[in-house]
Amino acid sequence: DPDAGADIMSKSAGFTLIEMLVALAVTSLLMVAGSTLLIQTLRSG
């Protein structure tokens, strides 16, 4: 059944997209946290 294969492909692509978005969100949060810590360190220093 070719439709079943296409459905599996779309599902895996969707999960990959979600994982990409999660990775981007985590990276952004880490960058913001790092920048905040750096700014606080520079200000206190």
N, C-alpha and C. Protein backbone atom coordinates (compact mmCIF):
# COMPACT_ATOMS: atom_id res chain seq x y z
N ASP A 1 0.85 -1.20 0.00
CA ASP A 1 0.00 0.00 0.00
C ASP A 1 0.88 1.25 0.00
N PRO A 2 0.98 1.95 -1.11
CA PRO A 2 1.84 3.15 -1.19
C PRO A 2 1.38 4.26 -0.26
N ASP A 3 0.08 4.34 0.01
CA ASP A 3 -0.42 5.39 0.90
C ASP A 3 0.14 5.22 2.31
N ALA A 4 0.24 3.98 2.77
CA ALA A 4 0.77 3.72 4.11
C ALA A 4 2.22 4.20 4.20
N GLY A 5 3.00 3.94 3.15
CA GLY A 5 4.39 4.37 3.15
C GLY A 5 4.49 5.89 3.20
N ALA A 6 3.62 6.57 2.45
CA ALA A 6 3.64 8.03 2.43
C ALA A 6 3.26 8.56 3.81
N ASP A 7 2.31 7.88 4.47
CA ASP A 7 1.87 8.33 5.79
C ASP A 7 3.02 8.22 6.79
N ILE A 8 3.77 7.11 6.70
CA ILE A 8 4.91 6.93 7.60
C ILE A 8 5.96 8.01 7.32
N MET A 9 6.20 8.32 6.05
CA MET A 9 7.18 9.33 5.70
C MET A 9 6.79 10.69 6.27
N SER A 10 5.51 11.05 6.13
CA SER A 10 5.05 12.35 6.61
C SER A 10 5.16 12.42 8.13
N LYS A 11 4.87 11.30 8.80
CA LYS A 11 4.96 11.28 10.27
C LYS A 11 6.40 11.46 10.72
N SER A 12 7.33 10.72 10.09
CA SER A 12 8.73 10.83 10.48
C SER A 12 9.25 12.24 10.18
N ALA A 13 8.81 12.83 9.08
CA ALA A 13 9.23 14.19 8.74
C ALA A 13 8.70 15.17 9.78
N GLY A 14 7.47 14.94 10.23
CA GLY A 14 6.88 15.81 11.25
C GLY A 14 7.66 15.74 12.55
N PHE A 15 8.02 14.51 12.96
CA PHE A 15 8.79 14.37 14.19
C PHE A 15 10.16 15.04 14.04
N THR A 16 10.76 14.90 12.86
CA THR A 16 12.05 15.53 12.62
C THR A 16 11.93 17.05 12.73
N LEU A 17 10.85 17.60 12.19
CA LEU A 17 10.64 19.04 12.25
C LEU A 17 10.48 19.48 13.70
N ILE A 18 9.70 18.71 14.47
CA ILE A 18 9.50 19.04 15.88
C ILE A 18 10.83 18.99 16.63
N GLU A 19 11.61 17.94 16.35
CA GLU A 19 12.91 17.82 17.02
C GLU A 19 13.81 19.00 16.67
N MET A 20 13.75 19.43 15.40
CA MET A 20 14.55 20.59 14.98
C MET A 20 14.13 21.83 15.74
N LEU A 21 12.80 22.04 15.86
CA LEU A 21 12.29 23.21 16.57
C LEU A 21 12.71 23.16 18.04
N VAL A 22 12.62 21.97 18.65
CA VAL A 22 13.02 21.82 20.05
C VAL A 22 14.51 22.14 20.21
N ALA A 23 15.32 21.62 19.28
CA ALA A 23 16.76 21.87 19.34
C ALA A 23 17.05 23.36 19.22
N LEU A 24 16.33 24.03 18.31
CA LEU A 24 16.53 25.47 18.14
C LEU A 24 16.12 26.23 19.40
N ALA A 25 15.01 25.80 20.01
CA ALA A 25 14.53 26.47 21.22
C ALA A 25 15.54 26.30 22.35
N VAL A 26 16.04 25.07 22.51
CA VAL A 26 17.03 24.81 23.57
C VAL A 26 18.29 25.63 23.33
N THR A 27 18.75 25.66 22.08
CA THR A 27 19.95 26.42 21.75
C THR A 27 19.75 27.91 22.05
N SER A 28 18.57 28.43 21.69
CA SER A 28 18.28 29.84 21.94
C SER A 28 18.28 30.12 23.43
N LEU A 29 17.66 29.23 24.22
CA LEU A 29 17.61 29.43 25.67
C LEU A 29 19.01 29.40 26.26
N LEU A 30 19.85 28.48 25.78
CA LEU A 30 21.22 28.40 26.29
C LEU A 30 21.99 29.67 25.94
N MET A 31 21.79 30.17 24.72
CA MET A 31 22.48 31.39 24.30
C MET A 31 22.04 32.57 25.16
N VAL A 32 20.73 32.68 25.39
CA VAL A 32 20.21 33.78 26.22
C VAL A 32 20.74 33.67 27.64
N ALA A 33 20.73 32.44 28.19
CA ALA A 33 21.22 32.24 29.55
C ALA A 33 22.71 32.59 29.63
N GLY A 34 23.47 32.16 28.64
CA GLY A 34 24.90 32.45 28.63
C GLY A 34 25.16 33.95 28.52
N SER A 35 24.40 34.62 27.67
CA SER A 35 24.57 36.07 27.51
C SER A 35 24.22 36.78 28.80
N THR A 36 23.14 36.34 29.46
CA THR A 36 22.72 36.96 30.72
C THR A 36 23.81 36.80 31.78
N LEU A 37 24.35 35.59 31.90
CA LEU A 37 25.41 35.35 32.88
C LEU A 37 26.63 36.19 32.55
N LEU A 38 26.97 36.30 31.26
CA LEU A 38 28.13 37.07 30.85
C LEU A 38 27.94 38.54 31.21
N ILE A 39 26.75 39.08 30.92
CA ILE A 39 26.47 40.49 31.22
C ILE A 39 26.53 40.73 32.72
N GLN A 40 25.94 39.81 33.51
CA GLN A 40 25.96 39.97 34.97
C GLN A 40 27.40 39.95 35.48
N THR A 41 28.20 39.05 34.91
CA THR A 41 29.60 38.95 35.34
C THR A 41 30.35 40.24 35.01
N LEU A 42 30.13 40.78 33.82
CA LEU A 42 30.82 42.00 33.42
C LEU A 42 30.37 43.18 34.29
N ARG A 43 29.08 43.23 34.61
CA ARG A 43 28.57 44.33 35.43
C ARG A 43 29.14 44.26 36.84
N SER A 44 29.12 43.05 37.44
CA SER A 44 29.60 42.89 38.81
C SER A 44 31.11 43.10 38.86
N GLY A 45 31.79 42.76 37.76
CA GLY A 45 33.25 42.91 37.73
C GLY A 45 33.60 44.35 37.46
